[in-house]
PDB file of N, CA and C in Angstrom:
ATOM      1  N   UNK A   1       7.062 -21.829  14.173  1.00  0.00           N
ATOM      2  CA  UNK A   1       8.202 -20.975  14.474  1.00  0.00           C
ATOM      3  C   UNK A   1       7.830 -20.083  15.643  1.00  0.00           C
ATOM      4  N   UNK A   2       8.707 -19.923  16.613  1.00  0.00           N
ATOM      5  CA  UNK A   2       8.391 -19.209  17.833  1.00  0.00           C
ATOM      6  C   UNK A   2       8.708 -17.714  17.784  1.00  0.00           C
ATOM      7  N   UNK A   3       9.091 -17.187  16.650  1.00  0.00           N
ATOM      8  CA  UNK A   3       9.407 -15.777  16.497  1.00  0.00           C
ATOM      9  C   UNK A   3       8.116 -14.966  16.350  1.00  0.00           C
ATOM     10  N   UNK A   4       8.109 -13.728  16.863  1.00  0.00           N
ATOM     11  CA  UNK A   4       6.948 -12.859  16.671  1.00  0.00           C
ATOM     12  C   UNK A   4       7.137 -12.035  15.400  1.00  0.00           C
ATOM     13  N   UNK A   5       6.040 -11.464  14.921  1.00  0.00           N
ATOM     14  CA  UNK A   5       6.138 -10.600  13.744  1.00  0.00           C
ATOM     15  C   UNK A   5       6.983  -9.371  14.062  1.00  0.00           C
ATOM     16  N   UNK A   6       6.892  -8.868  15.293  1.00  0.00           N
ATOM     17  CA  UNK A   6       7.714  -7.728  15.691  1.00  0.00           C
ATOM     18  C   UNK A   6       9.191  -8.056  15.652  1.00  0.00           C
ATOM     19  N   UNK A   7       9.572  -9.225  16.153  1.00  0.00           N
ATOM     20  CA  UNK A   7      10.976  -9.655  16.116  1.00  0.00           C
ATOM     21  C   UNK A   7      11.441  -9.827  14.679  1.00  0.00           C
ATOM     22  N   UNK A   8      10.580 -10.359  13.844  1.00  0.00           N
ATOM     23  CA  UNK A   8      10.906 -10.553  12.440  1.00  0.00           C
ATOM     24  C   UNK A   8      11.153  -9.193  11.773  1.00  0.00           C
ATOM     25  N   UNK A   9      10.273  -8.222  12.051  1.00  0.00           N
ATOM     26  CA  UNK A   9      10.426  -6.891  11.458  1.00  0.00           C
ATOM     27  C   UNK A   9      11.688  -6.199  11.959  1.00  0.00           C
ATOM     28  N   UNK A  10      12.049  -6.420  13.214  1.00  0.00           N
ATOM     29  CA  UNK A  10      13.271  -5.834  13.760  1.00  0.00           C
ATOM     30  C   UNK A  10      14.516  -6.342  13.030  1.00  0.00           C
ATOM     31  N   UNK A  11      14.414  -7.507  12.433  1.00  0.00           N
ATOM     32  CA  UNK A  11      15.524  -8.079  11.659  1.00  0.00           C
ATOM     33  C   UNK A  11      15.522  -7.599  10.216  1.00  0.00           C
ATOM     34  N   UNK A  12      14.608  -6.694   9.861  1.00  0.00           N
ATOM     35  CA  UNK A  12      14.548  -6.158   8.507  1.00  0.00           C
ATOM     36  C   UNK A  12      13.718  -6.987   7.555  1.00  0.00           C
ATOM     37  N   UNK A  13      12.908  -7.902   8.066  1.00  0.00           N
ATOM     38  CA  UNK A  13      12.081  -8.776   7.230  1.00  0.00           C
ATOM     39  C   UNK A  13      10.629  -8.317   7.299  1.00  0.00           C
ATOM     40  N   UNK A  14       9.992  -8.137   6.132  1.00  0.00           N
ATOM     41  CA  UNK A  14       8.643  -7.593   6.075  1.00  0.00           C
ATOM     42  C   UNK A  14       7.618  -8.560   5.488  1.00  0.00           C
ATOM     43  N   UNK A  15       8.063  -9.690   4.978  1.00  0.00           N
ATOM     44  CA  UNK A  15       7.175 -10.617   4.280  1.00  0.00           C
ATOM     45  C   UNK A  15       7.339 -12.028   4.838  1.00  0.00           C
ATOM     46  N   UNK A  16       6.311 -12.850   4.597  1.00  0.00           N
ATOM     47  CA  UNK A  16       6.370 -14.250   5.004  1.00  0.00           C
ATOM     48  C   UNK A  16       6.049 -15.144   3.818  1.00  0.00           C
ATOM     49  N   UNK A  17       6.509 -16.378   3.900  1.00  0.00           N
ATOM     50  CA  UNK A  17       6.156 -17.431   2.951  1.00  0.00           C
ATOM     51  C   UNK A  17       5.276 -18.415   3.691  1.00  0.00           C
ATOM     52  N   UNK A  18       4.166 -18.796   3.068  1.00  0.00           N
ATOM     53  CA  UNK A  18       3.219 -19.729   3.668  1.00  0.00           C
ATOM     54  C   UNK A  18       3.201 -20.979   2.798  1.00  0.00           C
ATOM     55  N   UNK A  19       3.527 -22.130   3.414  1.00  0.00           N
ATOM     56  CA  UNK A  19       3.633 -23.400   2.692  1.00  0.00           C
ATOM     57  C   UNK A  19       2.588 -24.384   3.188  1.00  0.00           C
ATOM     58  N   UNK A  20       1.875 -25.018   2.267  1.00  0.00           N
ATOM     59  CA  UNK A  20       0.972 -26.122   2.580  1.00  0.00           C
ATOM     60  C   UNK A  20       1.748 -27.431   2.422  1.00  0.00           C
ATOM     61  N   UNK A  21       1.292 -28.463   3.100  1.00  0.00           N
ATOM     62  CA  UNK A  21       1.956 -29.777   2.987  1.00  0.00           C
ATOM     63  C   UNK A  21       1.880 -30.348   1.569  1.00  0.00           C
ATOM     64  N   UNK A  22       0.911 -29.881   0.765  1.00  0.00           N
ATOM     65  CA  UNK A  22       0.745 -30.396  -0.598  1.00  0.00           C
ATOM     66  C   UNK A  22       1.711 -29.752  -1.596  1.00  0.00           C
ATOM     67  N   UNK A  23       2.411 -28.725  -1.172  1.00  0.00           N
ATOM     68  CA  UNK A  23       3.369 -28.075  -2.055  1.00  0.00           C
ATOM     69  C   UNK A  23       2.959 -26.683  -2.503  1.00  0.00           C
ATOM     70  N   UNK A  24       1.697 -26.314  -2.341  1.00  0.00           N
ATOM     71  CA  UNK A  24       1.295 -24.954  -2.687  1.00  0.00           C
ATOM     72  C   UNK A  24       1.927 -23.987  -1.700  1.00  0.00           C
ATOM     73  N   UNK A  25       2.235 -22.788  -2.183  1.00  0.00           N
ATOM     74  CA  UNK A  25       2.808 -21.776  -1.309  1.00  0.00           C
ATOM     75  C   UNK A  25       2.475 -20.385  -1.838  1.00  0.00           C
ATOM     76  N   UNK A  26       2.610 -19.401  -0.955  1.00  0.00           N
ATOM     77  CA  UNK A  26       2.328 -18.015  -1.317  1.00  0.00           C
ATOM     78  C   UNK A  26       3.209 -17.107  -0.475  1.00  0.00           C
ATOM     79  N   UNK A  27       3.595 -15.971  -1.038  1.00  0.00           N
ATOM     80  CA  UNK A  27       4.329 -14.940  -0.311  1.00  0.00           C
ATOM     81  C   UNK A  27       3.333 -13.849   0.076  1.00  0.00           C
ATOM     82  N   UNK A  28       3.401 -13.405   1.330  1.00  0.00           N
ATOM     83  CA  UNK A  28       2.478 -12.381   1.822  1.00  0.00           C
ATOM     84  C   UNK A  28       3.221 -11.282   2.565  1.00  0.00           C
ATOM     85  N   UNK A  29       2.691 -10.063   2.462  1.00  0.00           N
ATOM     86  CA  UNK A  29       3.172  -8.935   3.251  1.00  0.00           C
ATOM     87  C   UNK A  29       2.725  -9.174   4.688  1.00  0.00           C
ATOM     88  N   UNK A  30       3.627  -9.087   5.641  1.00  0.00           N
ATOM     89  CA  UNK A  30       3.318  -9.393   7.039  1.00  0.00           C
ATOM     90  C   UNK A  30       2.827  -8.191   7.839  1.00  0.00           C
ATOM     91  N   UNK A  31       2.692  -7.030   7.210  1.00  0.00           N
ATOM     92  CA  UNK A  31       2.283  -5.835   7.941  1.00  0.00           C
ATOM     93  C   UNK A  31       0.870  -5.920   8.506  1.00  0.00           C
ATOM     94  N   UNK A  32       0.079  -6.850   8.037  1.00  0.00           N
ATOM     95  CA  UNK A  32      -1.306  -6.963   8.498  1.00  0.00           C
ATOM     96  C   UNK A  32      -1.440  -7.623   9.876  1.00  0.00           C
ATOM     97  N   UNK A  33      -0.358  -8.213  10.389  1.00  0.00           N
ATOM     98  CA  UNK A  33      -0.429  -8.897  11.678  1.00  0.00           C
ATOM     99  C   UNK A  33       0.315  -8.099  12.741  1.00  0.00           C
ATOM    100  N   UNK A  34      -0.165  -8.127  13.989  1.00  0.00           N
ATOM    101  CA  UNK A  34       0.442  -7.319  15.056  1.00  0.00           C
ATOM    102  C   UNK A  34       1.816  -7.834  15.470  1.00  0.00           C
ATOM    103  N   UNK A  35       2.604  -6.929  16.024  1.00  0.00           N
ATOM    104  CA  UNK A  35       3.976  -7.252  16.430  1.00  0.00           C
ATOM    105  C   UNK A  35       4.049  -8.378  17.450  1.00  0.00           C
ATOM    106  N   UNK A  36       3.068  -8.492  18.341  1.00  0.00           N
ATOM    107  CA  UNK A  36       3.152  -9.490  19.412  1.00  0.00           C
ATOM    108  C   UNK A  36       2.655 -10.876  19.008  1.00  0.00           C
ATOM    109  N   UNK A  37       2.151 -11.028  17.796  1.00  0.00           N
ATOM    110  CA  UNK A  37       1.676 -12.336  17.323  1.00  0.00           C
ATOM    111  C   UNK A  37       2.852 -13.184  16.851  1.00  0.00           C
ATOM    112  N   UNK A  38       2.855 -14.447  17.231  1.00  0.00           N
ATOM    113  CA  UNK A  38       3.889 -15.383  16.769  1.00  0.00           C
ATOM    114  C   UNK A  38       3.490 -15.954  15.405  1.00  0.00           C
ATOM    115  N   UNK A  39       4.478 -16.209  14.566  1.00  0.00           N
ATOM    116  CA  UNK A  39       4.194 -16.814  13.270  1.00  0.00           C
ATOM    117  C   UNK A  39       3.492 -18.145  13.450  1.00  0.00           C
ATOM    118  N   UNK A  40       3.882 -18.904  14.466  1.00  0.00           N
ATOM    119  CA  UNK A  40       3.277 -20.216  14.715  1.00  0.00           C
ATOM    120  C   UNK A  40       1.809 -20.105  15.128  1.00  0.00           C
ATOM    121  N   UNK A  41       1.402 -18.975  15.724  1.00  0.00           N
ATOM    122  CA  UNK A  41       0.000 -18.775  16.088  1.00  0.00           C
ATOM    123  C   UNK A  41      -0.885 -18.624  14.855  1.00  0.00           C
ATOM    124  N   UNK A  42      -0.301 -18.183  13.774  1.00  0.00           N
ATOM    125  CA  UNK A  42      -1.027 -17.943  12.533  1.00  0.00           C
ATOM    126  C   UNK A  42      -1.188 -19.206  11.692  1.00  0.00           C
ATOM    127  N   UNK A  43      -0.294 -20.155  11.851  1.00  0.00           N
ATOM    128  CA  UNK A  43      -0.260 -21.339  10.988  1.00  0.00           C
ATOM    129  C   UNK A  43      -1.581 -22.095  10.885  1.00  0.00           C
ATOM    130  N   UNK A  44      -2.323 -22.358  11.980  1.00  0.00           N
ATOM    131  CA  UNK A  44      -3.568 -23.135  11.842  1.00  0.00           C
ATOM    132  C   UNK A  44      -4.705 -22.379  11.160  1.00  0.00           C
ATOM    133  N   UNK A  45      -4.554 -21.090  10.939  1.00  0.00           N
ATOM    134  CA  UNK A  45      -5.623 -20.281  10.336  1.00  0.00           C
ATOM    135  C   UNK A  45      -5.687 -20.374   8.814  1.00  0.00           C
ATOM    136  N   UNK A  46      -4.613 -20.815   8.191  1.00  0.00           N
ATOM    137  CA  UNK A  46      -4.581 -20.857   6.729  1.00  0.00           C
ATOM    138  C   UNK A  46      -5.300 -22.085   6.192  1.00  0.00           C
ATOM    139  N   UNK A  47      -6.015 -21.892   5.074  1.00  0.00           N
ATOM    140  CA  UNK A  47      -6.663 -22.982   4.353  1.00  0.00           C
ATOM    141  C   UNK A  47      -6.133 -22.933   2.921  1.00  0.00           C
ATOM    142  N   UNK A  48      -5.555 -24.022   2.466  1.00  0.00           N
ATOM    143  CA  UNK A  48      -4.975 -24.087   1.123  1.00  0.00           C
ATOM    144  C   UNK A  48      -6.070 -23.982   0.066  1.00  0.00           C
ATOM    145  N   UNK A  49      -5.887 -23.094  -0.888  1.00  0.00           N
ATOM    146  CA  UNK A  49      -6.838 -22.934  -1.980  1.00  0.00           C
ATOM    147  C   UNK A  49      -6.722 -24.058  -3.002  1.00  0.00           C
ATOM    148  N   UNK A  50      -5.626 -24.819  -2.957  1.00  0.00           N
ATOM    149  CA  UNK A  50      -5.423 -25.926  -3.891  1.00  0.00           C
ATOM    150  C   UNK A  50      -6.042 -27.224  -3.415  1.00  0.00           C
ATOM    151  N   UNK A  51      -5.760 -27.595  -2.146  1.00  0.00           N
ATOM    152  CA  UNK A  51      -6.203 -28.905  -1.665  1.00  0.00           C
ATOM    153  C   UNK A  51      -7.228 -28.831  -0.532  1.00  0.00           C
ATOM    154  N   UNK A  52      -7.429 -27.634   0.037  1.00  0.00           N
ATOM    155  CA  UNK A  52      -8.405 -27.475   1.110  1.00  0.00           C
ATOM    156  C   UNK A  52      -7.884 -27.806   2.500  1.00  0.00           C
ATOM    157  N   UNK A  53      -6.604 -28.167   2.624  1.00  0.00           N
ATOM    158  CA  UNK A  53      -6.014 -28.527   3.907  1.00  0.00           C
ATOM    159  C   UNK A  53      -5.946 -27.295   4.806  1.00  0.00           C
ATOM    160  N   UNK A  54      -6.308 -27.461   6.076  1.00  0.00           N
ATOM    161  CA  UNK A  54      -6.188 -26.375   7.051  1.00  0.00           C
ATOM    162  C   UNK A  54      -4.874 -26.533   7.791  1.00  0.00           C
ATOM    163  N   UNK A  55      -4.103 -25.455   7.840  1.00  0.00           N
ATOM    164  CA  UNK A  55      -2.806 -25.454   8.493  1.00  0.00           C
ATOM    165  C   UNK A  55      -1.710 -25.223   7.472  1.00  0.00           C
ATOM    166  N   UNK A  56      -0.644 -24.568   7.912  1.00  0.00           N
ATOM    167  CA  UNK A  56       0.446 -24.253   7.000  1.00  0.00           C
ATOM    168  C   UNK A  56       1.710 -24.011   7.808  1.00  0.00           C
ATOM    169  N   UNK A  57       2.812 -23.952   7.100  1.00  0.00           N
ATOM    170  CA  UNK A  57       4.089 -23.592   7.690  1.00  0.00           C
ATOM    171  C   UNK A  57       4.366 -22.151   7.279  1.00  0.00           C
ATOM    172  N   UNK A  58       4.515 -21.248   8.249  1.00  0.00           N
ATOM    173  CA  UNK A  58       4.754 -19.833   7.974  1.00  0.00           C
ATOM    174  C   UNK A  58       6.196 -19.504   8.353  1.00  0.00           C
ATOM    175  N   UNK A  59       6.936 -18.944   7.381  1.00  0.00           N
ATOM    176  CA  UNK A  59       8.350 -18.628   7.585  1.00  0.00           C
ATOM    177  C   UNK A  59       8.645 -17.211   7.104  1.00  0.00           C
ATOM    178  N   UNK A  60       9.629 -16.553   7.709  1.00  0.00           N
ATOM    179  CA  UNK A  60      10.062 -15.252   7.176  1.00  0.00           C
ATOM    180  C   UNK A  60      10.598 -15.436   5.758  1.00  0.00           C
ATOM    181  N   UNK A  61      10.360 -14.446   4.914  1.00  0.00           N
ATOM    182  CA  UNK A  61      10.865 -14.475   3.541  1.00  0.00           C
ATOM    183  C   UNK A  61      12.201 -13.751   3.499  1.00  0.00           C
ATOM    184  N   UNK A  62      13.276 -14.507   3.640  1.00  0.00           N
ATOM    185  CA  UNK A  62      14.619 -13.931   3.678  1.00  0.00           C
ATOM    186  C   UNK A  62      15.040 -13.361   2.332  1.00  0.00           C
ATOM    187  N   UNK A  63      14.503 -13.874   1.230  1.00  0.00           N
ATOM    188  CA  UNK A  63      14.895 -13.390  -0.096  1.00  0.00           C
ATOM    189  C   UNK A  63      14.342 -12.007  -0.385  1.00  0.00           C
ATOM    190  N   UNK A  64      13.143 -11.708   0.086  1.00  0.00           N
ATOM    191  CA  UNK A  64      12.533 -10.406  -0.184  1.00  0.00           C
ATOM    192  C   UNK A  64      12.930  -9.370   0.857  1.00  0.00           C
ATOM    193  N   UNK A  65      13.425  -9.805   1.999  1.00  0.00           N
ATOM    194  CA  UNK A  65      13.852  -8.883   3.046  1.00  0.00           C
ATOM    195  C   UNK A  65      15.327  -8.576   2.934  1.00  0.00           C
ATOM    196  N   UNK A  66      15.835  -7.921   3.937  1.00  0.00           N
ATOM    197  CA  UNK A  66      17.266  -7.624   3.997  1.00  0.00           C
ATOM    198  C   UNK A  66      17.935  -8.766   4.747  1.00  0.00           C
ATOM    199  N   UNK A  67      18.265  -9.821   4.034  1.00  0.00           N
ATOM    200  CA  UNK A  67      18.850 -11.004   4.630  1.00  0.00           C
ATOM    201  C   UNK A  67      20.161 -10.728   5.338  1.00  0.00           C
ATOM    202  N   UNK A  68      20.940  -9.788   4.830  1.00  0.00           N
ATOM    203  CA  UNK A  68      22.198  -9.437   5.492  1.00  0.00           C
ATOM    204  C   UNK A  68      21.925  -8.864   6.873  1.00  0.00           C
ATOM    205  N   UNK A  69      20.905  -8.015   7.011  1.00  0.00           N
ATOM    206  CA  UNK A  69      20.556  -7.452   8.313  1.00  0.00           C
ATOM    207  C   UNK A  69      20.042  -8.542   9.238  1.00  0.00           C
ATOM    208  N   UNK A  70      19.291  -9.481   8.695  1.00  0.00           N
ATOM    209  CA  UNK A  70      18.755 -10.564   9.513  1.00  0.00           C
ATOM    210  C   UNK A  70      19.877 -11.454  10.042  1.00  0.00           C
ATOM    211  N   UNK A  71      20.862 -11.713   9.219  1.00  0.00           N
ATOM    212  CA  UNK A  71      21.979 -12.554   9.637  1.00  0.00           C
ATOM    213  C   UNK A  71      22.798 -11.850  10.717  1.00  0.00           C
ATOM    214  N   UNK A  72      22.971 -10.553  10.576  1.00  0.00           N
ATOM    215  CA  UNK A  72      23.736  -9.792  11.563  1.00  0.00           C
ATOM    216  C   UNK A  72      22.927  -9.543  12.832  1.00  0.00           C
ATOM    217  N   UNK A  73      21.606  -9.762  12.786  1.00  0.00           N
ATOM    218  CA  UNK A  73      20.765  -9.462  13.934  1.00  0.00           C
ATOM    219  C   UNK A  73      20.469  -7.980  14.046  1.00  0.00           C
ATOM    220  N   UNK A  74      20.534  -7.262  12.932  1.00  0.00           N
ATOM    221  CA  UNK A  74      20.273  -5.837  12.893  1.00  0.00           C
ATOM    222  C   UNK A  74      18.867  -5.529  13.389  1.00  0.00           C
ATOM    223  N   UNK A  75      18.741  -4.493  14.148  1.00  0.00           N
ATOM    224  CA  UNK A  75      17.428  -4.057  14.632  1.00  0.00           C
ATOM    225  C   UNK A  75      16.999  -2.845  13.834  1.00  0.00           C
ATOM    226  N   UNK A  76      15.835  -2.933  13.233  1.00  0.00           N
ATOM    227  CA  UNK A  76      15.283  -1.833  12.449  1.00  0.00           C
ATOM    228  C   UNK A  76      14.830  -0.743  13.413  1.00  0.00           C
ATOM    229  N   UNK A  77      15.145   0.510  13.138  1.00  0.00           N
ATOM    230  CA  UNK A  77      14.796   1.605  14.033  1.00  0.00           C
ATOM    231  C   UNK A  77      13.520   2.317  13.622  1.00  0.00           C
ATOM    232  N   UNK A  78      12.776   1.767  12.680  1.00  0.00           N
ATOM    233  CA  UNK A  78      11.526   2.408  12.252  1.00  0.00           C
ATOM    234  C   UNK A  78      10.492   2.314  13.311  1.00  0.00           C
TER     235      UNK A  78
END
């Protein structure tokens, strides 16, 4: 995904979902990564604890964030 963590946060989203090809997944707080980092830059760094595969699909967690703000393109003023 070509979105940065800063752009994601501006849409009111604070968490990400990380999916392995084997089906394992985890939800993580995204505050630990800098605003200028792209979600896609992070994907090769993950190693699945279930199967050992390196690489993952990282997506914004729309369910835990303010999905209505994300759909409207709302910019967070924090």
